[in-house]
Amino acid sequence: MSIVRKIEIDGQDVLFKASAAIPRIYRLKFQRDIYKDLRILEKSIGEGDEESSNLDLFSLEMFENIAYTMAKHADPQ
């Protein structure tokens, strides 16, 4: 079972697929544990207050890596 969504990015429709396979695919592609990375991201965001959140380059790269993984999972081409 999975969730597939189409999101328009820069005028193009991009498919994203979320399933239980995402953590494994993420680990194989990036040699990192997605759950540890998400915990680090959660700490850097803080309580959701814009002034207190501190997103660094690693956090932004992690967002990009997860989006890439979900897009490739939906459309492996």
Protein backbone atom coordinates (compact mmCIF):
# COMPACT_ATOMS: atom_id res chain seq x y z
CA MET A 1 0.00 0.00 0.00
CA SER A 2 1.30 3.44 -0.88
CA ILE A 3 0.24 7.02 -1.42
CA VAL A 4 0.84 8.66 -4.80
CA ARG A 5 0.43 12.40 -5.33
CA LYS A 6 1.01 14.63 -8.31
CA ILE A 7 2.51 18.02 -7.48
CA GLU A 8 3.13 20.83 -9.94
CA ILE A 9 6.70 22.08 -9.73
CA ASP A 10 7.81 24.88 -12.02
CA GLY A 11 4.97 24.16 -14.43
CA GLN A 12 5.61 20.40 -14.58
CA ASP A 13 3.57 17.68 -12.91
CA VAL A 14 5.81 15.48 -10.76
CA LEU A 15 4.64 12.23 -9.17
CA PHE A 16 5.63 11.45 -5.59
CA LYS A 17 5.10 8.06 -3.98
CA ALA A 18 5.27 7.38 -0.25
CA SER A 19 5.41 3.80 0.95
CA ALA A 20 7.10 1.64 3.56
CA ALA A 21 9.97 1.18 1.10
CA ILE A 22 11.10 4.82 1.34
CA PRO A 23 13.43 4.35 4.37
CA ARG A 24 15.17 1.44 2.65
CA ILE A 25 15.49 3.24 -0.69
CA TYR A 26 16.79 6.35 1.12
CA ARG A 27 19.40 4.27 2.95
CA LEU A 28 20.54 2.52 -0.25
CA LYS A 29 20.83 5.79 -2.18
CA PHE A 30 22.32 8.09 0.48
CA GLN A 31 23.88 5.63 3.02
CA ARG A 32 22.00 7.43 5.81
CA ASP A 33 19.17 6.54 8.18
CA ILE A 34 16.09 8.62 7.31
CA TYR A 35 14.75 8.41 10.87
CA LYS A 36 17.95 9.81 12.39
CA ASP A 37 17.96 12.57 9.79
CA LEU A 38 14.33 13.42 10.53
CA ARG A 39 15.12 13.61 14.27
CA ILE A 40 17.93 16.08 13.55
CA LEU A 41 15.56 18.08 11.37
CA GLU A 42 12.90 18.09 14.10
CA LYS A 43 15.40 19.52 16.59
CA SER A 44 16.53 22.23 14.17
CA ILE A 45 12.95 23.31 13.46
CA GLY A 46 12.17 23.68 17.15
CA GLU A 47 8.60 24.54 18.11
CA GLY A 48 7.65 25.75 14.64
CA ASP A 49 8.30 29.41 15.41
CA GLU A 50 9.92 31.15 12.43
CA GLU A 51 12.29 33.15 14.65
CA SER A 52 13.50 30.12 16.62
CA SER A 53 13.89 27.65 13.75
CA ASN A 54 17.39 27.14 12.47
CA LEU A 55 17.49 25.28 9.15
CA ASP A 56 21.01 24.73 7.95
CA LEU A 57 22.33 23.41 4.65
CA PHE A 58 22.08 19.80 5.87
CA SER A 59 18.36 20.21 6.61
CA LEU A 60 17.64 21.68 3.19
CA GLU A 61 19.65 18.92 1.52
CA MET A 62 17.71 16.30 3.45
CA PHE A 63 14.40 17.73 2.17
CA GLU A 64 15.81 17.53 -1.34
CA ASN A 65 16.97 13.92 -0.80
CA ILE A 66 13.56 12.80 0.47
CA ALA A 67 11.78 14.52 -2.41
CA TYR A 68 14.18 12.89 -4.88
CA THR A 69 13.62 9.47 -3.31
CA MET A 70 9.84 9.79 -3.45
CA ALA A 71 9.88 11.08 -7.03
CA LYS A 72 12.15 8.24 -8.19
CA HIS A 73 9.98 5.73 -6.33
CA ALA A 74 6.94 7.00 -8.24
CA ASP A 75 8.65 7.18 -11.64
CA PRO A 76 11.92 5.19 -11.85
CA GLN A 77 12.82 6.51 -15.34
